[in-house]
């Protein structure tokens, strides 16, 4: 796991956090409790701060960064960032889901329990209301989510709590595994 200081600022990591061995968490970053940062993701708080709320998951190959004098990047509780997501100096409110291969740019704000469809690009300064579905490049409002769809967003972050817990239970160094033949 690549957790490192930048300019003397060390990331602060909550309890029950999983950071994959190939992930990097750098500088002015605060991870809440039960956060998971998955393989090959980068959380780089070098020119402004990054704050990630409890029970949020950052899936494989995601990039979280900031812009000097434009940041911070704020991700609230119970957010799901799908695989290959880029979020840059924006705000993502509680319970939102950002689909795979999406990009959220500077000063955008994603409302609570909003859904950004896979492959979308949210342009700078865009304000997305909670409980809505946006898709496309650039992302456009498609419709309001039904109450059942909003409720279903919880299953994503809850699943990642289970995955994280299992990975933490099986946290055995690779060198120890090299000698294991019966598994």
C-alpha atoms as a PDB file:
ATOM      1  CA  UNK A   1       0.000   0.000   0.000  1.00  0.00           C
ATOM      2  CA  UNK A   2       1.374   3.409  -0.943  1.00  0.00           C
ATOM      3  CA  UNK A   3       0.508   5.810   1.866  1.00  0.00           C
ATOM      4  CA  UNK A   4       2.922   8.713   1.942  1.00  0.00           C
ATOM      5  CA  UNK A   5       3.358  12.231   3.185  1.00  0.00           C
ATOM      6  CA  UNK A   6       3.676  15.239   0.941  1.00  0.00           C
ATOM      7  CA  UNK A   7       5.316  18.428   2.232  1.00  0.00           C
ATOM      8  CA  UNK A   8       5.123  17.008   5.730  1.00  0.00           C
ATOM      9  CA  UNK A   9       1.377  16.290   5.632  1.00  0.00           C
ATOM     10  CA  UNK A  10       0.560  12.660   6.335  1.00  0.00           C
ATOM     11  CA  UNK A  11      -2.788  11.125   5.295  1.00  0.00           C
ATOM     12  CA  UNK A  12      -5.156  10.460   8.196  1.00  0.00           C
ATOM     13  CA  UNK A  13      -6.871   7.105   8.013  1.00  0.00           C
ATOM     14  CA  UNK A  14      -9.987   6.080   9.958  1.00  0.00           C
ATOM     15  CA  UNK A  15     -10.729   2.693  11.462  1.00  0.00           C
ATOM     16  CA  UNK A  16     -11.595  -0.358   9.384  1.00  0.00           C
ATOM     17  CA  UNK A  17     -10.118   1.142   6.209  1.00  0.00           C
ATOM     18  CA  UNK A  18      -8.904  -1.052   3.351  1.00  0.00           C
ATOM     19  CA  UNK A  19      -6.236   0.348   1.039  1.00  0.00           C
ATOM     20  CA  UNK A  20      -5.172  -2.116  -1.662  1.00  0.00           C
ATOM     21  CA  UNK A  21      -1.478  -2.852  -2.038  1.00  0.00           C
ATOM     22  CA  UNK A  22      -1.280  -1.093  -5.396  1.00  0.00           C
ATOM     23  CA  UNK A  23      -3.286   1.984  -4.383  1.00  0.00           C
ATOM     24  CA  UNK A  24      -1.669   5.308  -3.472  1.00  0.00           C
ATOM     25  CA  UNK A  25      -2.911   7.757  -0.833  1.00  0.00           C
ATOM     26  CA  UNK A  26      -0.767  10.885  -0.701  1.00  0.00           C
ATOM     27  CA  UNK A  27      -0.635  14.101   1.296  1.00  0.00           C
ATOM     28  CA  UNK A  28      -3.554  16.083   2.684  1.00  0.00           C
ATOM     29  CA  UNK A  29      -6.082  13.249   2.637  1.00  0.00           C
ATOM     30  CA  UNK A  30      -8.533  12.195   5.334  1.00  0.00           C
ATOM     31  CA  UNK A  31     -10.256   8.818   4.966  1.00  0.00           C
ATOM     32  CA  UNK A  32     -13.277   8.240   7.209  1.00  0.00           C
ATOM     33  CA  UNK A  33     -14.108   4.928   8.857  1.00  0.00           C
ATOM     34  CA  UNK A  34     -14.743   1.842   6.713  1.00  0.00           C
ATOM     35  CA  UNK A  35     -13.525   3.488   3.500  1.00  0.00           C
ATOM     36  CA  UNK A  36     -12.088   1.221   0.808  1.00  0.00           C
ATOM     37  CA  UNK A  37      -9.543   2.304  -1.802  1.00  0.00           C
ATOM     38  CA  UNK A  38      -9.186  -0.450  -4.403  1.00  0.00           C
ATOM     39  CA  UNK A  39      -6.396  -1.605  -6.709  1.00  0.00           C
ATOM     40  CA  UNK A  40      -4.406   0.935  -8.720  1.00  0.00           C
ATOM     41  CA  UNK A  41      -6.449   3.878  -7.459  1.00  0.00           C
ATOM     42  CA  UNK A  42      -4.703   7.160  -6.659  1.00  0.00           C
ATOM     43  CA  UNK A  43      -5.876   9.657  -4.032  1.00  0.00           C
ATOM     44  CA  UNK A  44      -3.429  12.557  -4.380  1.00  0.00           C
ATOM     45  CA  UNK A  45      -3.911  15.492  -2.030  1.00  0.00           C
ATOM     46  CA  UNK A  46      -0.830  17.478  -2.966  1.00  0.00           C
ATOM     47  CA  UNK A  47      -2.073  20.976  -3.862  1.00  0.00           C
ATOM     48  CA  UNK A  48      -5.404  20.981  -1.963  1.00  0.00           C
ATOM     49  CA  UNK A  49      -7.123  18.679   0.505  1.00  0.00           C
ATOM     50  CA  UNK A  50      -9.161  15.550  -0.151  1.00  0.00           C
ATOM     51  CA  UNK A  51     -11.798  14.395   2.335  1.00  0.00           C
ATOM     52  CA  UNK A  52     -13.580  11.052   1.970  1.00  0.00           C
ATOM     53  CA  UNK A  53     -16.509  10.198   4.253  1.00  0.00           C
ATOM     54  CA  UNK A  54     -17.317   6.988   6.089  1.00  0.00           C
ATOM     55  CA  UNK A  55     -18.286   3.863   4.150  1.00  0.00           C
ATOM     56  CA  UNK A  56     -17.294   5.284   0.766  1.00  0.00           C
ATOM     57  CA  UNK A  57     -15.674   3.001  -1.800  1.00  0.00           C
ATOM     58  CA  UNK A  58     -13.229   4.059  -4.496  1.00  0.00           C
ATOM     59  CA  UNK A  59     -13.073   1.229  -7.003  1.00  0.00           C
ATOM     60  CA  UNK A  60     -10.145   0.009  -9.089  1.00  0.00           C
ATOM     61  CA  UNK A  61      -8.142   2.416 -11.277  1.00  0.00           C
ATOM     62  CA  UNK A  62      -9.870   5.555 -10.032  1.00  0.00           C
ATOM     63  CA  UNK A  63      -8.068   8.898  -9.810  1.00  0.00           C
ATOM     64  CA  UNK A  64      -8.923  11.485  -7.161  1.00  0.00           C
ATOM     65  CA  UNK A  65      -7.093  14.789  -7.436  1.00  0.00           C
ATOM     66  CA  UNK A  66      -7.442  18.528  -6.902  1.00  0.00           C
ATOM     67  CA  UNK A  67      -6.526  21.781  -8.591  1.00  0.00           C
ATOM     68  CA  UNK A  68      -4.312  24.342  -6.904  1.00  0.00           C
ATOM     69  CA  UNK A  69      -6.454  27.131  -5.494  1.00  0.00           C
ATOM     70  CA  UNK A  70      -9.612  25.415  -6.803  1.00  0.00           C
ATOM     71  CA  UNK A  71      -9.967  22.404  -4.474  1.00  0.00           C
ATOM     72  CA  UNK A  72     -10.762  20.786  -2.179  1.00  0.00           C
ATOM     73  CA  UNK A  73     -12.202  17.455  -3.244  1.00  0.00           C
ATOM     74  CA  UNK A  74     -14.985  16.438  -0.862  1.00  0.00           C
ATOM     75  CA  UNK A  75     -16.669  13.054  -1.033  1.00  0.00           C
ATOM     76  CA  UNK A  76     -19.290  12.505   1.635  1.00  0.00           C
ATOM     77  CA  UNK A  77     -20.440   9.278   3.301  1.00  0.00           C
ATOM     78  CA  UNK A  78     -21.658   6.148   1.506  1.00  0.00           C
ATOM     79  CA  UNK A  79     -20.566   7.219  -1.967  1.00  0.00           C
ATOM     80  CA  UNK A  80     -19.639   4.672  -4.632  1.00  0.00           C
ATOM     81  CA  UNK A  81     -17.047   5.595  -7.246  1.00  0.00           C
ATOM     82  CA  UNK A  82     -17.091   2.900  -9.953  1.00  0.00           C
ATOM     83  CA  UNK A  83     -14.048   1.520 -11.738  1.00  0.00           C
ATOM     84  CA  UNK A  84     -11.887   4.030 -13.653  1.00  0.00           C
ATOM     85  CA  UNK A  85     -13.640   7.115 -12.282  1.00  0.00           C
ATOM     86  CA  UNK A  86     -11.850  10.472 -12.286  1.00  0.00           C
ATOM     87  CA  UNK A  87     -13.023  13.050  -9.759  1.00  0.00           C
ATOM     88  CA  UNK A  88     -11.239  16.380  -9.698  1.00  0.00           C
ATOM     89  CA  UNK A  89     -11.692  19.235  -7.186  1.00  0.00           C
ATOM     90  CA  UNK A  90     -15.445  18.672  -6.858  1.00  0.00           C
ATOM     91  CA  UNK A  91     -18.040  17.763  -4.218  1.00  0.00           C
ATOM     92  CA  UNK A  92     -19.972  14.504  -4.158  1.00  0.00           C
ATOM     93  CA  UNK A  93     -22.781  14.315  -1.616  1.00  0.00           C
ATOM     94  CA  UNK A  94     -23.883  11.410   0.537  1.00  0.00           C
ATOM     95  CA  UNK A  95     -25.094   8.242  -1.159  1.00  0.00           C
ATOM     96  CA  UNK A  96     -24.284   9.267  -4.737  1.00  0.00           C
ATOM     97  CA  UNK A  97     -23.102   6.678  -7.252  1.00  0.00           C
ATOM     98  CA  UNK A  98     -20.621   7.628  -9.961  1.00  0.00           C
ATOM     99  CA  UNK A  99     -20.662   5.007 -12.739  1.00  0.00           C
ATOM    100  CA  UNK A 100     -17.627   3.363 -14.306  1.00  0.00           C
ATOM    101  CA  UNK A 101     -15.408   5.481 -16.556  1.00  0.00           C
ATOM    102  CA  UNK A 102     -17.083   8.733 -15.530  1.00  0.00           C
ATOM    103  CA  UNK A 103     -15.307  12.038 -14.984  1.00  0.00           C
ATOM    104  CA  UNK A 104     -16.430  14.765 -12.576  1.00  0.00           C
ATOM    105  CA  UNK A 105     -14.576  18.054 -13.144  1.00  0.00           C
ATOM    106  CA  UNK A 106     -13.644  21.108 -11.052  1.00  0.00           C
ATOM    107  CA  UNK A 107     -16.300  22.768  -8.895  1.00  0.00           C
ATOM    108  CA  UNK A 108     -19.033  20.354  -9.969  1.00  0.00           C
ATOM    109  CA  UNK A 109     -21.390  19.263  -7.215  1.00  0.00           C
ATOM    110  CA  UNK A 110     -23.184  15.937  -7.259  1.00  0.00           C
ATOM    111  CA  UNK A 111     -26.266  15.939  -5.013  1.00  0.00           C
ATOM    112  CA  UNK A 112     -27.195  13.275  -2.473  1.00  0.00           C
ATOM    113  CA  UNK A 113     -28.287   9.932  -3.928  1.00  0.00           C
ATOM    114  CA  UNK A 114     -27.687  11.137  -7.487  1.00  0.00           C
ATOM    115  CA  UNK A 115     -26.681   8.611 -10.131  1.00  0.00           C
ATOM    116  CA  UNK A 116     -24.110   9.480 -12.783  1.00  0.00           C
ATOM    117  CA  UNK A 117     -24.316   6.865 -15.545  1.00  0.00           C
ATOM    118  CA  UNK A 118     -21.230   4.997 -16.733  1.00  0.00           C
ATOM    119  CA  UNK A 119     -19.049   6.924 -19.172  1.00  0.00           C
ATOM    120  CA  UNK A 120     -20.464  10.345 -18.294  1.00  0.00           C
ATOM    121  CA  UNK A 121     -18.524  13.604 -18.135  1.00  0.00           C
ATOM    122  CA  UNK A 122     -19.795  16.196 -15.672  1.00  0.00           C
ATOM    123  CA  UNK A 123     -18.436  19.565 -16.773  1.00  0.00           C
ATOM    124  CA  UNK A 124     -16.901  22.149 -14.417  1.00  0.00           C
ATOM    125  CA  UNK A 125     -19.337  24.097 -12.209  1.00  0.00           C
ATOM    126  CA  UNK A 126     -22.268  21.758 -12.965  1.00  0.00           C
ATOM    127  CA  UNK A 127     -24.717  21.379 -10.059  1.00  0.00           C
ATOM    128  CA  UNK A 128     -26.538  18.052 -10.106  1.00  0.00           C
ATOM    129  CA  UNK A 129     -29.632  17.806  -7.889  1.00  0.00           C
ATOM    130  CA  UNK A 130     -30.022  14.870  -5.536  1.00  0.00           C
ATOM    131  CA  UNK A 131     -32.058  11.872  -6.599  1.00  0.00           C
ATOM    132  CA  UNK A 132     -31.541  12.408 -10.328  1.00  0.00           C
ATOM    133  CA  UNK A 133     -29.993  10.390 -13.175  1.00  0.00           C
ATOM    134  CA  UNK A 134     -27.490  12.097 -15.459  1.00  0.00           C
ATOM    135  CA  UNK A 135     -25.766  10.548 -18.469  1.00  0.00           C
ATOM    136  CA  UNK A 136     -23.663  11.440 -21.483  1.00  0.00           C
ATOM    137  CA  UNK A 137     -20.677  13.523 -22.453  1.00  0.00           C
ATOM    138  CA  UNK A 138     -21.349  16.175 -21.420  1.00  0.00           C
ATOM    139  CA  UNK A 139     -23.736  14.745 -18.823  1.00  0.00           C
ATOM    140  CA  UNK A 140     -27.358  15.826 -19.134  1.00  0.00           C
ATOM    141  CA  UNK A 141     -30.350  15.286 -16.879  1.00  0.00           C
ATOM    142  CA  UNK A 142     -32.249  12.166 -17.943  1.00  0.00           C
ATOM    143  CA  UNK A 143     -34.882  11.954 -15.201  1.00  0.00           C
ATOM    144  CA  UNK A 144     -35.657  11.869 -11.498  1.00  0.00           C
ATOM    145  CA  UNK A 145     -34.910   8.542  -9.825  1.00  0.00           C
ATOM    146  CA  UNK A 146     -37.804   6.601  -8.344  1.00  0.00           C
ATOM    147  CA  UNK A 147     -37.802   6.033  -4.575  1.00  0.00           C
ATOM    148  CA  UNK A 148     -36.958   2.366  -5.232  1.00  0.00           C
ATOM    149  CA  UNK A 149     -33.964   3.371  -7.371  1.00  0.00           C
ATOM    150  CA  UNK A 150     -32.710   5.754  -4.708  1.00  0.00           C
ATOM    151  CA  UNK A 151     -33.024   2.986  -2.114  1.00  0.00           C
ATOM    152  CA  UNK A 152     -31.163   0.550  -4.393  1.00  0.00           C
ATOM    153  CA  UNK A 153     -28.102   2.829  -4.428  1.00  0.00           C
ATOM    154  CA  UNK A 154     -27.442   1.701  -0.846  1.00  0.00           C
ATOM    155  CA  UNK A 155     -26.713  -1.843  -2.031  1.00  0.00           C
ATOM    156  CA  UNK A 156     -23.532  -0.706  -3.795  1.00  0.00           C
ATOM    157  CA  UNK A 157     -21.755   0.806  -0.802  1.00  0.00           C
ATOM    158  CA  UNK A 158     -23.058  -1.964   1.464  1.00  0.00           C
ATOM    159  CA  UNK A 159     -21.623  -4.619  -0.872  1.00  0.00           C
ATOM    160  CA  UNK A 160     -18.258  -2.899  -0.717  1.00  0.00           C
ATOM    161  CA  UNK A 161     -18.335  -2.968   3.085  1.00  0.00           C
ATOM    162  CA  UNK A 162     -18.609  -6.752   2.819  1.00  0.00           C
ATOM    163  CA  UNK A 163     -15.830  -7.019   0.208  1.00  0.00           C
ATOM    164  CA  UNK A 164     -13.573  -4.793   2.303  1.00  0.00           C
ATOM    165  CA  UNK A 165     -14.182  -6.851   5.437  1.00  0.00           C
ATOM    166  CA  UNK A 166     -13.288 -10.071   3.618  1.00  0.00           C
ATOM    167  CA  UNK A 167     -10.097  -8.573   2.178  1.00  0.00           C
ATOM    168  CA  UNK A 168      -9.078  -7.362   5.632  1.00  0.00           C
ATOM    169  CA  UNK A 169      -9.729 -10.852   7.092  1.00  0.00           C
ATOM    170  CA  UNK A 170      -7.551 -12.468   4.438  1.00  0.00           C
ATOM    171  CA  UNK A 171      -4.744  -9.917   4.637  1.00  0.00           C
ATOM    172  CA  UNK A 172      -1.774 -12.262   4.311  1.00  0.00           C
ATOM    173  CA  UNK A 173       1.507 -10.912   2.961  1.00  0.00           C
ATOM    174  CA  UNK A 174       2.348 -12.174  -0.535  1.00  0.00           C
ATOM    175  CA  UNK A 175       5.649 -13.644   0.633  1.00  0.00           C
ATOM    176  CA  UNK A 176       3.835 -15.842   3.133  1.00  0.00           C
ATOM    177  CA  UNK A 177       1.503 -17.046   0.383  1.00  0.00           C
ATOM    178  CA  UNK A 178       4.461 -17.970  -1.831  1.00  0.00           C
ATOM    179  CA  UNK A 179       5.192 -20.960   0.430  1.00  0.00           C
ATOM    180  CA  UNK A 180       1.588 -22.152   0.554  1.00  0.00           C
ATOM    181  CA  UNK A 181       0.776 -25.063  -1.758  1.00  0.00           C
ATOM    182  CA  UNK A 182      -2.520 -26.301  -0.310  1.00  0.00           C
ATOM    183  CA  UNK A 183      -5.143 -23.632  -0.262  1.00  0.00           C
END
